Amino acid sequence: MITGAPDDAETLAVGALEWLLKAARDVDDGLTWPNTLADGKFNPTLYNGTSGVLPALLDAWRYFADDRYADSALRGARSVADAVDDRRSGQAPIAVKAGVRAMS
């Protein structure tokens, strides 16, 4: 029987969550996550961008009761909402680099 597995899983999860928080970038009044740390381009979509990070942060908040995760999810949701508003107003950003939107 393997002992300590839940503690090991929690330790790994916290390490991954800390990495996510450190990888986040401030944009306007929100947060976003780069596609890769090297290119610094941001994407608000679910499967390849900020929206996909948000459920993980909310699950972590519920499990670990660490308000930093909920705060980061809320700030991330703001950046996604801003991207939707930009698209609706015809100013769809093609990329967000270093906290500045590059407009098409």
N, C-alpha and C. Protein backbone atom coordinates (compact mmCIF):
# COMPACT_ATOMS: atom_id res chain seq x y z
N MET A 1 0.84 -1.18 0.00
CA MET A 1 0.00 0.00 0.00
C MET A 1 0.89 1.25 0.00
N ILE A 2 0.54 2.19 -0.84
CA ILE A 2 1.29 3.43 -0.93
C ILE A 2 0.75 4.40 0.11
N THR A 3 1.63 4.93 0.92
CA THR A 3 1.21 5.92 1.91
C THR A 3 1.75 7.29 1.52
N GLY A 4 1.07 8.31 1.94
CA GLY A 4 1.51 9.66 1.65
C GLY A 4 1.14 10.17 0.27
N ALA A 5 0.44 9.39 -0.52
CA ALA A 5 0.10 9.81 -1.88
C ALA A 5 -0.74 11.09 -1.90
N PRO A 6 -1.78 11.22 -1.04
CA PRO A 6 -2.54 12.48 -1.08
C PRO A 6 -1.67 13.69 -0.76
N ASP A 7 -0.78 13.58 0.22
CA ASP A 7 0.10 14.69 0.53
C ASP A 7 1.01 15.02 -0.65
N ASP A 8 1.52 13.99 -1.31
CA ASP A 8 2.38 14.20 -2.47
C ASP A 8 1.60 14.90 -3.59
N ALA A 9 0.35 14.47 -3.81
CA ALA A 9 -0.47 15.08 -4.85
C ALA A 9 -0.76 16.54 -4.52
N GLU A 10 -1.04 16.82 -3.26
CA GLU A 10 -1.30 18.20 -2.86
C GLU A 10 -0.05 19.06 -3.03
N THR A 11 1.10 18.52 -2.70
CA THR A 11 2.35 19.26 -2.86
C THR A 11 2.59 19.59 -4.33
N LEU A 12 2.35 18.62 -5.20
CA LEU A 12 2.51 18.85 -6.65
C LEU A 12 1.50 19.88 -7.14
N ALA A 13 0.27 19.78 -6.68
CA ALA A 13 -0.77 20.72 -7.09
C ALA A 13 -0.41 22.14 -6.67
N VAL A 14 0.03 22.31 -5.44
CA VAL A 14 0.40 23.65 -4.97
C VAL A 14 1.58 24.19 -5.77
N GLY A 15 2.54 23.35 -6.09
CA GLY A 15 3.66 23.79 -6.92
C GLY A 15 3.20 24.26 -8.28
N ALA A 16 2.29 23.52 -8.90
CA ALA A 16 1.76 23.91 -10.21
C ALA A 16 0.96 25.21 -10.11
N LEU A 17 0.18 25.35 -9.05
CA LEU A 17 -0.61 26.57 -8.87
C LEU A 17 0.28 27.79 -8.64
N GLU A 18 1.33 27.61 -7.88
CA GLU A 18 2.27 28.71 -7.65
C GLU A 18 2.91 29.12 -8.98
N TRP A 19 3.24 28.14 -9.82
CA TRP A 19 3.81 28.44 -11.14
C TRP A 19 2.80 29.24 -11.97
N LEU A 20 1.51 28.83 -11.94
CA LEU A 20 0.49 29.57 -12.69
C LEU A 20 0.40 31.02 -12.21
N LEU A 21 0.42 31.21 -10.91
CA LEU A 21 0.33 32.58 -10.38
C LEU A 21 1.54 33.42 -10.81
N LYS A 22 2.72 32.82 -10.82
CA LYS A 22 3.92 33.54 -11.23
C LYS A 22 3.93 33.82 -12.73
N ALA A 23 3.30 32.97 -13.52
CA ALA A 23 3.26 33.14 -14.98
C ALA A 23 2.25 34.19 -15.42
N ALA A 24 1.32 34.54 -14.55
CA ALA A 24 0.28 35.52 -14.89
C ALA A 24 0.89 36.88 -15.17
N ARG A 25 0.24 37.62 -16.07
CA ARG A 25 0.68 38.97 -16.41
C ARG A 25 -0.48 39.94 -16.20
N ASP A 26 -0.18 41.10 -15.62
CA ASP A 26 -1.19 42.14 -15.43
C ASP A 26 -1.56 42.77 -16.76
N VAL A 27 -2.85 42.92 -17.00
CA VAL A 27 -3.37 43.67 -18.15
C VAL A 27 -4.57 44.46 -17.66
N ASP A 28 -4.54 45.76 -17.91
CA ASP A 28 -5.62 46.64 -17.46
C ASP A 28 -5.94 46.33 -16.00
N ASP A 29 -7.19 45.94 -15.70
CA ASP A 29 -7.55 45.62 -14.32
C ASP A 29 -7.67 44.11 -14.11
N GLY A 30 -7.05 43.33 -14.99
CA GLY A 30 -7.15 41.88 -14.91
C GLY A 30 -5.81 41.19 -15.00
N LEU A 31 -5.88 39.88 -15.16
CA LEU A 31 -4.70 39.03 -15.35
C LEU A 31 -4.91 38.21 -16.60
N THR A 32 -3.82 37.84 -17.23
CA THR A 32 -3.87 36.91 -18.35
C THR A 32 -2.63 36.04 -18.31
N TRP A 33 -2.68 34.94 -19.01
CA TRP A 33 -1.56 34.01 -19.04
C TRP A 33 -1.05 33.91 -20.46
N PRO A 34 0.28 33.94 -20.64
CA PRO A 34 0.85 33.87 -21.98
C PRO A 34 0.71 32.47 -22.57
N ASN A 35 0.70 32.43 -23.92
CA ASN A 35 0.70 31.12 -24.59
C ASN A 35 1.94 30.33 -24.18
N THR A 36 3.08 30.99 -24.22
CA THR A 36 4.33 30.42 -23.70
C THR A 36 5.05 31.56 -22.98
N LEU A 37 5.88 31.23 -22.05
CA LEU A 37 6.61 32.27 -21.33
C LEU A 37 7.58 33.01 -22.23
N ALA A 38 8.03 32.35 -23.29
CA ALA A 38 9.02 32.95 -24.18
C ALA A 38 8.42 33.99 -25.12
N ASP A 39 7.20 33.76 -25.64
CA ASP A 39 6.67 34.69 -26.64
C ASP A 39 5.84 35.82 -26.05
N GLY A 40 5.26 35.64 -24.90
CA GLY A 40 4.52 36.71 -24.26
C GLY A 40 3.22 37.10 -24.93
N LYS A 41 2.72 36.29 -25.88
CA LYS A 41 1.42 36.56 -26.51
C LYS A 41 0.33 35.91 -25.66
N PHE A 42 -0.83 36.55 -25.63
CA PHE A 42 -1.91 36.08 -24.78
C PHE A 42 -3.13 35.70 -25.59
N ASN A 43 -3.87 34.75 -25.08
CA ASN A 43 -5.04 34.23 -25.76
C ASN A 43 -6.13 34.03 -24.71
N PRO A 44 -7.33 34.60 -24.90
CA PRO A 44 -8.38 34.47 -23.89
C PRO A 44 -9.21 33.19 -24.01
N THR A 45 -8.91 32.32 -24.97
CA THR A 45 -9.79 31.19 -25.23
C THR A 45 -9.66 30.07 -24.19
N LEU A 46 -10.63 29.17 -24.21
CA LEU A 46 -10.73 28.13 -23.20
C LEU A 46 -9.64 27.08 -23.30
N TYR A 47 -9.36 26.58 -24.48
CA TYR A 47 -8.47 25.43 -24.59
C TYR A 47 -7.00 25.81 -24.74
N ASN A 48 -6.74 27.07 -25.01
CA ASN A 48 -5.36 27.46 -25.26
C ASN A 48 -5.06 28.82 -24.65
N GLY A 49 -5.71 29.13 -23.55
CA GLY A 49 -5.47 30.45 -23.02
C GLY A 49 -6.00 30.66 -21.62
N THR A 50 -6.21 31.92 -21.31
CA THR A 50 -6.58 32.34 -19.97
C THR A 50 -7.83 31.66 -19.46
N SER A 51 -8.84 31.51 -20.29
CA SER A 51 -10.09 30.90 -19.83
C SER A 51 -9.88 29.50 -19.29
N GLY A 52 -8.93 28.78 -19.83
CA GLY A 52 -8.66 27.42 -19.34
C GLY A 52 -8.01 27.38 -17.98
N VAL A 53 -7.34 28.46 -17.59
CA VAL A 53 -6.68 28.53 -16.29
C VAL A 53 -7.70 28.79 -15.18
N LEU A 54 -8.77 29.51 -15.51
CA LEU A 54 -9.72 29.95 -14.50
C LEU A 54 -10.39 28.82 -13.72
N PRO A 55 -10.90 27.77 -14.38
CA PRO A 55 -11.51 26.68 -13.60
C PRO A 55 -10.51 25.99 -12.66
N ALA A 56 -9.28 25.87 -13.08
CA ALA A 56 -8.26 25.25 -12.22
C ALA A 56 -8.05 26.10 -10.97
N LEU A 57 -8.00 27.41 -11.14
CA LEU A 57 -7.82 28.29 -9.98
C LEU A 57 -9.03 28.25 -9.04
N LEU A 58 -10.23 28.18 -9.61
CA LEU A 58 -11.42 28.10 -8.76
C LEU A 58 -11.49 26.78 -8.00
N ASP A 59 -11.14 25.69 -8.67
CA ASP A 59 -11.09 24.39 -7.98
C ASP A 59 -10.05 24.43 -6.85
N ALA A 60 -8.92 25.05 -7.13
CA ALA A 60 -7.87 25.14 -6.11
C ALA A 60 -8.35 25.98 -4.93
N TRP A 61 -9.06 27.05 -5.20
CA TRP A 61 -9.59 27.89 -4.12
C TRP A 61 -10.55 27.09 -3.24
N ARG A 62 -11.43 26.33 -3.89
CA ARG A 62 -12.37 25.52 -3.11
C ARG A 62 -11.65 24.47 -2.28
N TYR A 63 -10.63 23.85 -2.82
CA TYR A 63 -9.94 22.76 -2.13
C TYR A 63 -9.00 23.27 -1.04
N PHE A 64 -8.18 24.27 -1.40
CA PHE A 64 -7.15 24.73 -0.47
C PHE A 64 -7.58 25.93 0.38
N ALA A 65 -8.72 26.54 0.05
CA ALA A 65 -9.22 27.72 0.78
C ALA A 65 -8.20 28.85 0.80
N ASP A 66 -7.49 29.04 -0.30
CA ASP A 66 -6.49 30.10 -0.43
C ASP A 66 -7.10 31.18 -1.34
N ASP A 67 -7.40 32.31 -0.77
CA ASP A 67 -8.08 33.37 -1.51
C ASP A 67 -7.27 33.94 -2.68
N ARG A 68 -5.97 33.71 -2.71
CA ARG A 68 -5.17 34.16 -3.86
C ARG A 68 -5.66 33.52 -5.15
N TYR A 69 -6.09 32.27 -5.06
CA TYR A 69 -6.57 31.57 -6.26
C TYR A 69 -7.89 32.18 -6.76
N ALA A 70 -8.80 32.48 -5.85
CA ALA A 70 -10.07 33.10 -6.25
C ALA A 70 -9.84 34.49 -6.80
N ASP A 71 -8.96 35.26 -6.17
CA ASP A 71 -8.65 36.60 -6.64
C ASP A 71 -8.05 36.56 -8.04
N SER A 72 -7.14 35.65 -8.28
CA SER A 72 -6.52 35.54 -9.60
C SER A 72 -7.54 35.09 -10.64
N ALA A 73 -8.45 34.20 -10.27
CA ALA A 73 -9.51 33.77 -11.20
C ALA A 73 -10.42 34.94 -11.55
N LEU A 74 -10.78 35.74 -10.56
CA LEU A 74 -11.62 36.91 -10.81
C LEU A 74 -10.93 37.90 -11.73
N ARG A 75 -9.67 38.17 -11.47
CA ARG A 75 -8.92 39.09 -12.32
C ARG A 75 -8.75 38.53 -13.73
N GLY A 76 -8.57 37.21 -13.83
CA GLY A 76 -8.49 36.58 -15.14
C GLY A 76 -9.80 36.69 -15.89
N ALA A 77 -10.91 36.52 -15.18
CA ALA A 77 -12.23 36.64 -15.81
C ALA A 77 -12.44 38.06 -16.33
N ARG A 78 -11.92 39.04 -15.63
CA ARG A 78 -12.03 40.43 -16.11
C ARG A 78 -11.31 40.60 -17.44
N SER A 79 -10.13 40.01 -17.57
CA SER A 79 -9.39 40.16 -18.83
C SER A 79 -10.11 39.44 -19.97
N VAL A 80 -10.75 38.32 -19.68
CA VAL A 80 -11.51 37.61 -20.72
C VAL A 80 -12.73 38.45 -21.11
N ALA A 81 -13.42 39.03 -20.12
CA ALA A 81 -14.58 39.88 -20.41
C ALA A 81 -14.15 41.08 -21.25
N ASP A 82 -13.01 41.67 -20.94
CA ASP A 82 -12.50 42.78 -21.75
C ASP A 82 -12.24 42.35 -23.18
N ALA A 83 -11.69 41.15 -23.37
CA ALA A 83 -11.43 40.64 -24.72
C ALA A 83 -12.74 40.45 -25.49
N VAL A 84 -13.79 39.98 -24.81
CA VAL A 84 -15.09 39.82 -25.45
C VAL A 84 -15.65 41.18 -25.82
N ASP A 85 -15.56 42.15 -24.90
CA ASP A 85 -16.04 43.50 -25.19
C ASP A 85 -15.30 44.10 -26.37
N ASP A 86 -13.99 43.90 -26.43
CA ASP A 86 -13.19 44.41 -27.55
C ASP A 86 -13.66 43.80 -28.86
N ARG A 87 -13.92 42.51 -28.84
CA ARG A 87 -14.36 41.83 -30.06
C ARG A 87 -15.72 42.36 -30.50
N ARG A 88 -16.62 42.55 -29.54
CA ARG A 88 -17.96 43.06 -29.87
C ARG A 88 -17.91 44.47 -30.43
N SER A 89 -16.96 45.27 -29.97
CA SER A 89 -16.87 46.65 -30.44
C SER A 89 -16.05 46.77 -31.73
N GLY A 90 -15.63 45.63 -32.27
CA GLY A 90 -14.87 45.64 -33.51
C GLY A 90 -13.39 45.89 -33.34
N GLN A 91 -12.92 45.85 -32.12
CA GLN A 91 -11.51 46.09 -31.85
C GLN A 91 -10.84 44.81 -31.39
N ALA A 92 -11.12 43.73 -32.05
CA ALA A 92 -10.59 42.43 -31.62
C ALA A 92 -9.08 42.44 -31.55
N PRO A 93 -8.56 42.21 -30.35
CA PRO A 93 -7.09 42.16 -30.25
C PRO A 93 -6.56 40.90 -30.91
N ILE A 94 -5.50 41.05 -31.69
CA ILE A 94 -4.89 39.87 -32.29
C ILE A 94 -3.86 39.28 -31.34
N ALA A 95 -3.37 40.08 -30.43
CA ALA A 95 -2.42 39.60 -29.44
C ALA A 95 -2.33 40.62 -28.33
N VAL A 96 -1.94 40.17 -27.19
CA VAL A 96 -1.65 41.08 -26.09
C VAL A 96 -0.23 40.78 -25.69
N LYS A 97 0.61 41.76 -25.80
CA LYS A 97 2.03 41.53 -25.52
C LYS A 97 2.49 42.54 -24.49
N ALA A 98 3.11 42.02 -23.45
CA ALA A 98 3.67 42.85 -22.38
C ALA A 98 2.64 43.82 -21.82
N GLY A 99 1.38 43.38 -21.72
CA GLY A 99 0.34 44.19 -21.11
C GLY A 99 -0.26 45.25 -22.00
N VAL A 100 0.10 45.27 -23.29
CA VAL A 100 -0.44 46.27 -24.20
C VAL A 100 -1.15 45.54 -25.32
N ARG A 101 -2.37 45.93 -25.58
CA ARG A 101 -3.12 45.26 -26.64
C ARG A 101 -2.65 45.71 -28.00
N ALA A 102 -2.43 44.75 -28.89
CA ALA A 102 -2.11 45.05 -30.29
C ALA A 102 -3.39 44.89 -31.08
N MET A 103 -3.92 45.95 -31.62
CA MET A 103 -5.21 45.91 -32.30
C MET A 103 -5.06 45.58 -33.77
N SER A 104 -6.06 44.87 -34.28
CA SER A 104 -6.04 44.54 -35.71
C SER A 104 -6.54 45.70 -36.52
